[in-house]
C-alpha cells in the first residue's frame, strides 16, 4: 500500500514490521500514574481495530521518512494519538521536534 509522499521502501519496511496489525498506542504501564489517562488508554485498547491502515509519524523531520519514526496504526488508534497528545507524548507515540 503506497502512502502519498512517503518512500515506498519505508512503507514496505513498516508494513513488514507490523505484519499489517496495529502497533497501538503503547502499553498501559507506560502511562503516568493518572486514573484518567489509564482509563483513556484502556478504552483505546478496547476500541483498537487491530488491522493497520494508517501510517503515523512519531517524530517527523522535514523531508525525512525513517521506518523507526513511523507506526502502523488502525484508524481508531491514530485518532486517539492526535486527540490525546499529552498521553501520546508520555507513551512515546509522539515526540517533540527538539527530542532526538
N, C-alpha and C. Protein backbone atom coordinates (compact mmCIF):
# COMPACT_ATOMS: atom_id res chain seq x y z
N UNK A 1 0.84 -1.17 0.00
CA UNK A 1 0.00 0.00 0.00
C UNK A 1 0.89 1.24 0.00
N UNK A 2 0.80 2.04 -1.02
CA UNK A 2 1.60 3.26 -1.15
C UNK A 2 0.93 4.38 -0.38
N UNK A 3 1.71 5.13 0.36
CA UNK A 3 1.21 6.31 1.05
C UNK A 3 1.74 7.52 0.32
N UNK A 4 0.86 8.44 -0.01
CA UNK A 4 1.24 9.63 -0.76
C UNK A 4 2.37 10.37 -0.04
N UNK A 5 3.44 10.61 -0.76
CA UNK A 5 4.54 11.38 -0.22
C UNK A 5 5.54 10.61 0.63
N UNK A 6 5.32 9.33 0.84
CA UNK A 6 6.24 8.54 1.66
C UNK A 6 6.97 7.55 0.76
N UNK A 7 8.26 7.41 0.99
CA UNK A 7 9.09 6.50 0.22
C UNK A 7 8.53 5.07 0.32
N UNK A 8 8.37 4.41 -0.81
CA UNK A 8 7.78 3.07 -0.84
C UNK A 8 8.60 2.07 -0.02
N UNK A 9 9.92 2.22 -0.01
CA UNK A 9 10.75 1.30 0.77
C UNK A 9 10.44 1.43 2.27
N UNK A 10 10.17 2.64 2.72
CA UNK A 10 9.82 2.87 4.13
C UNK A 10 8.45 2.27 4.42
N UNK A 11 7.50 2.49 3.52
CA UNK A 11 6.16 1.90 3.66
C UNK A 11 6.26 0.38 3.77
N UNK A 12 7.06 -0.22 2.90
CA UNK A 12 7.23 -1.68 2.91
C UNK A 12 7.87 -2.16 4.21
N UNK A 13 8.88 -1.44 4.69
CA UNK A 13 9.57 -1.84 5.93
C UNK A 13 8.63 -1.76 7.14
N UNK A 14 7.85 -0.67 7.22
CA UNK A 14 6.90 -0.51 8.33
C UNK A 14 5.81 -1.58 8.26
N UNK A 15 5.32 -1.83 7.05
CA UNK A 15 4.27 -2.85 6.86
C UNK A 15 4.77 -4.24 7.23
N UNK A 16 6.02 -4.53 6.87
CA UNK A 16 6.60 -5.84 7.22
C UNK A 16 6.78 -5.96 8.73
N UNK A 17 7.25 -4.89 9.35
CA UNK A 17 7.46 -4.91 10.80
C UNK A 17 6.14 -5.17 11.54
N UNK A 18 5.08 -4.52 11.10
CA UNK A 18 3.79 -4.63 11.79
C UNK A 18 3.03 -5.89 11.42
N UNK A 19 3.36 -6.46 10.27
CA UNK A 19 2.60 -7.61 9.79
C UNK A 19 1.16 -7.25 9.44
N UNK A 20 0.91 -5.94 9.26
CA UNK A 20 -0.43 -5.48 8.93
C UNK A 20 -1.31 -5.23 10.15
N UNK A 21 -0.74 -5.44 11.35
CA UNK A 21 -1.51 -5.24 12.58
C UNK A 21 -1.15 -3.90 13.22
N UNK A 22 -2.11 -3.33 13.90
CA UNK A 22 -1.94 -2.04 14.58
C UNK A 22 -0.83 -2.13 15.62
N UNK A 23 0.08 -1.18 15.57
CA UNK A 23 1.15 -1.12 16.56
C UNK A 23 0.73 -0.34 17.80
N UNK A 24 -0.51 0.07 17.82
CA UNK A 24 -1.15 0.60 19.02
C UNK A 24 -0.61 1.87 19.60
N UNK A 25 -1.18 2.23 20.73
CA UNK A 25 -0.83 3.49 21.38
C UNK A 25 0.14 3.28 22.54
N UNK A 26 0.63 2.10 22.74
CA UNK A 26 1.59 1.86 23.80
C UNK A 26 1.04 0.95 24.89
N UNK A 27 1.86 0.75 25.88
CA UNK A 27 1.49 -0.13 26.99
C UNK A 27 0.91 0.68 28.14
N UNK A 28 -0.08 0.14 28.77
CA UNK A 28 -0.75 0.82 29.87
C UNK A 28 0.23 1.16 30.97
N UNK A 29 1.20 0.29 31.24
CA UNK A 29 2.15 0.54 32.33
C UNK A 29 3.09 1.70 32.03
N UNK A 30 3.11 2.16 30.75
CA UNK A 30 3.96 3.30 30.39
C UNK A 30 3.29 4.63 30.71
N UNK A 31 2.01 4.60 31.05
CA UNK A 31 1.27 5.84 31.33
C UNK A 31 1.59 6.31 32.74
N UNK A 32 1.74 7.61 32.87
CA UNK A 32 1.94 8.19 34.20
C UNK A 32 0.77 7.78 35.08
N UNK A 33 1.01 7.63 36.33
CA UNK A 33 0.00 7.14 37.28
C UNK A 33 -1.16 8.13 37.42
N UNK A 34 -1.98 8.20 36.42
CA UNK A 34 -3.12 9.11 36.40
C UNK A 34 -4.34 8.31 35.97
N UNK A 35 -5.33 8.23 36.82
CA UNK A 35 -6.50 7.38 36.56
C UNK A 35 -7.20 7.75 35.26
N UNK A 36 -7.28 9.04 34.97
CA UNK A 36 -7.95 9.47 33.74
C UNK A 36 -7.18 9.01 32.51
N UNK A 37 -5.84 9.12 32.54
CA UNK A 37 -5.00 8.66 31.43
C UNK A 37 -5.11 7.15 31.26
N UNK A 38 -5.06 6.42 32.37
CA UNK A 38 -5.16 4.97 32.30
C UNK A 38 -6.50 4.55 31.71
N UNK A 39 -7.56 5.22 32.11
CA UNK A 39 -8.90 4.93 31.57
C UNK A 39 -8.93 5.19 30.06
N UNK A 40 -8.33 6.29 29.62
CA UNK A 40 -8.32 6.62 28.19
C UNK A 40 -7.55 5.57 27.39
N UNK A 41 -6.40 5.12 27.92
CA UNK A 41 -5.60 4.12 27.21
C UNK A 41 -6.31 2.77 27.20
N UNK A 42 -6.96 2.40 28.30
CA UNK A 42 -7.73 1.15 28.33
C UNK A 42 -8.82 1.18 27.26
N UNK A 43 -9.51 2.31 27.13
CA UNK A 43 -10.55 2.45 26.11
C UNK A 43 -9.93 2.31 24.71
N UNK A 44 -8.76 2.90 24.52
CA UNK A 44 -8.09 2.79 23.21
C UNK A 44 -7.79 1.34 22.89
N UNK A 45 -7.32 0.59 23.88
CA UNK A 45 -7.02 -0.83 23.66
C UNK A 45 -8.29 -1.62 23.33
N UNK A 46 -9.40 -1.27 23.97
CA UNK A 46 -10.68 -1.95 23.70
C UNK A 46 -11.21 -1.62 22.31
N UNK A 47 -11.00 -0.38 21.87
CA UNK A 47 -11.55 0.09 20.59
C UNK A 47 -10.63 -0.19 19.40
N UNK A 48 -9.39 -0.58 19.65
CA UNK A 48 -8.43 -0.83 18.57
C UNK A 48 -9.02 -1.79 17.55
N UNK A 49 -8.88 -1.45 16.27
CA UNK A 49 -9.42 -2.27 15.18
C UNK A 49 -8.50 -3.42 14.80
N UNK A 50 -7.31 -3.46 15.37
CA UNK A 50 -6.29 -4.49 15.15
C UNK A 50 -5.59 -4.44 13.80
N UNK A 51 -6.28 -4.08 12.74
CA UNK A 51 -5.65 -4.07 11.41
C UNK A 51 -5.20 -2.65 11.07
N UNK A 52 -3.93 -2.52 10.76
CA UNK A 52 -3.34 -1.21 10.49
C UNK A 52 -3.68 -0.73 9.09
N UNK A 53 -4.15 0.50 9.01
CA UNK A 53 -4.45 1.13 7.72
C UNK A 53 -3.83 2.51 7.61
N UNK A 54 -3.21 2.99 8.69
CA UNK A 54 -2.69 4.35 8.76
C UNK A 54 -1.19 4.32 9.08
N UNK A 55 -0.47 5.29 8.54
CA UNK A 55 0.94 5.47 8.88
C UNK A 55 1.06 6.76 9.68
N UNK A 56 1.65 6.66 10.86
CA UNK A 56 1.76 7.80 11.77
C UNK A 56 3.22 8.13 12.03
N UNK A 57 3.58 9.39 11.84
CA UNK A 57 4.93 9.85 12.16
C UNK A 57 5.00 10.17 13.65
N UNK A 58 5.83 9.45 14.37
CA UNK A 58 6.06 9.72 15.79
C UNK A 58 6.82 11.04 15.92
N UNK A 59 7.79 11.20 15.06
CA UNK A 59 8.66 12.38 15.07
C UNK A 59 9.06 12.61 13.63
N UNK A 60 8.65 13.73 13.08
CA UNK A 60 8.94 13.95 11.67
C UNK A 60 9.86 15.14 11.48
N UNK A 61 10.88 14.89 10.76
CA UNK A 61 11.77 15.98 10.34
C UNK A 61 11.51 16.21 8.86
N UNK A 62 11.50 17.45 8.49
CA UNK A 62 11.19 17.81 7.10
C UNK A 62 12.03 17.00 6.11
N UNK A 63 11.33 16.36 5.18
CA UNK A 63 12.00 15.62 4.12
C UNK A 63 12.62 14.30 4.55
N UNK A 64 12.28 13.83 5.74
CA UNK A 64 12.93 12.62 6.24
C UNK A 64 11.89 11.61 6.72
N UNK A 65 11.80 10.50 6.03
CA UNK A 65 10.94 9.39 6.45
C UNK A 65 11.83 8.22 6.81
N UNK A 66 11.76 7.79 8.06
CA UNK A 66 12.51 6.62 8.50
C UNK A 66 11.53 5.68 9.19
N UNK A 67 11.69 4.39 8.95
CA UNK A 67 10.76 3.39 9.49
C UNK A 67 10.67 3.46 11.01
N UNK A 68 11.77 3.74 11.70
CA UNK A 68 11.75 3.78 13.16
C UNK A 68 10.97 4.99 13.69
N UNK A 69 10.66 5.95 12.82
CA UNK A 69 9.88 7.12 13.23
C UNK A 69 8.40 6.98 12.88
N UNK A 70 8.03 5.84 12.32
CA UNK A 70 6.66 5.67 11.84
C UNK A 70 6.02 4.46 12.49
N UNK A 71 4.77 4.60 12.89
CA UNK A 71 3.99 3.49 13.43
C UNK A 71 2.86 3.18 12.48
N UNK A 72 2.55 1.91 12.37
CA UNK A 72 1.44 1.42 11.54
C UNK A 72 0.25 1.25 12.48
N UNK A 73 -0.81 2.01 12.27
CA UNK A 73 -1.92 2.06 13.21
C UNK A 73 -3.26 1.83 12.54
N UNK A 74 -4.23 1.41 13.36
CA UNK A 74 -5.61 1.39 12.89
C UNK A 74 -6.13 2.84 12.97
N UNK A 75 -7.25 3.09 12.34
CA UNK A 75 -7.83 4.43 12.32
C UNK A 75 -8.12 4.93 13.74
N UNK A 76 -8.66 4.06 14.61
CA UNK A 76 -9.01 4.48 15.96
C UNK A 76 -7.77 4.93 16.75
N UNK A 77 -6.71 4.11 16.73
CA UNK A 77 -5.51 4.45 17.49
C UNK A 77 -4.84 5.71 16.94
N UNK A 78 -4.87 5.89 15.62
CA UNK A 78 -4.30 7.10 15.03
C UNK A 78 -5.07 8.33 15.52
N UNK A 79 -6.38 8.22 15.52
CA UNK A 79 -7.21 9.32 16.03
C UNK A 79 -6.92 9.56 17.52
N UNK A 80 -6.81 8.49 18.29
CA UNK A 80 -6.54 8.60 19.73
C UNK A 80 -5.26 9.40 19.99
N UNK A 81 -4.21 9.10 19.27
CA UNK A 81 -2.93 9.78 19.46
C UNK A 81 -3.07 11.28 19.26
N UNK A 82 -3.79 11.68 18.21
CA UNK A 82 -3.94 13.12 17.94
C UNK A 82 -4.98 13.78 18.84
N UNK A 83 -5.92 13.01 19.35
CA UNK A 83 -6.94 13.55 20.26
C UNK A 83 -6.41 13.67 21.69
N UNK A 84 -5.37 12.90 22.04
CA UNK A 84 -4.80 12.89 23.39
C UNK A 84 -3.29 13.08 23.33
N UNK A 85 -2.83 14.24 22.88
CA UNK A 85 -1.38 14.42 22.69
C UNK A 85 -0.56 14.28 23.97
N UNK A 86 -1.06 14.73 25.10
CA UNK A 86 -0.29 14.61 26.34
C UNK A 86 -0.01 13.14 26.66
N UNK A 87 -1.03 12.30 26.52
CA UNK A 87 -0.85 10.87 26.75
C UNK A 87 0.08 10.29 25.70
N UNK A 88 -0.11 10.71 24.45
CA UNK A 88 0.72 10.19 23.35
C UNK A 88 2.20 10.52 23.57
N UNK A 89 2.50 11.72 24.07
CA UNK A 89 3.90 12.06 24.38
C UNK A 89 4.43 11.18 25.50
N UNK A 90 3.62 10.93 26.53
CA UNK A 90 4.05 10.05 27.63
C UNK A 90 4.34 8.64 27.14
N UNK A 91 3.54 8.17 26.18
CA UNK A 91 3.68 6.81 25.65
C UNK A 91 4.77 6.69 24.59
N UNK A 92 5.26 7.82 24.11
CA UNK A 92 6.23 7.80 23.03
C UNK A 92 5.60 7.70 21.65
N UNK A 93 4.29 7.87 21.57
CA UNK A 93 3.60 7.84 20.28
C UNK A 93 3.74 9.15 19.53
N UNK A 94 4.16 10.19 20.23
CA UNK A 94 4.52 11.48 19.65
C UNK A 94 5.81 11.93 20.32
N UNK A 95 6.63 12.62 19.59
CA UNK A 95 7.86 13.20 20.15
C UNK A 95 7.93 14.65 19.70
N UNK A 96 8.44 15.50 20.60
CA UNK A 96 8.63 16.91 20.28
C UNK A 96 9.75 17.07 19.25
N UNK A 97 9.71 18.15 18.50
CA UNK A 97 10.72 18.39 17.47
C UNK A 97 12.12 18.50 18.07
N UNK A 98 12.24 18.88 19.33
CA UNK A 98 13.55 19.02 19.95
C UNK A 98 14.05 17.70 20.56
N UNK A 99 13.20 16.66 20.56
CA UNK A 99 13.63 15.34 21.03
C UNK A 99 14.30 14.59 19.89
N UNK A 100 15.43 14.00 20.16
CA UNK A 100 16.10 13.20 19.11
C UNK A 100 16.08 11.74 19.42
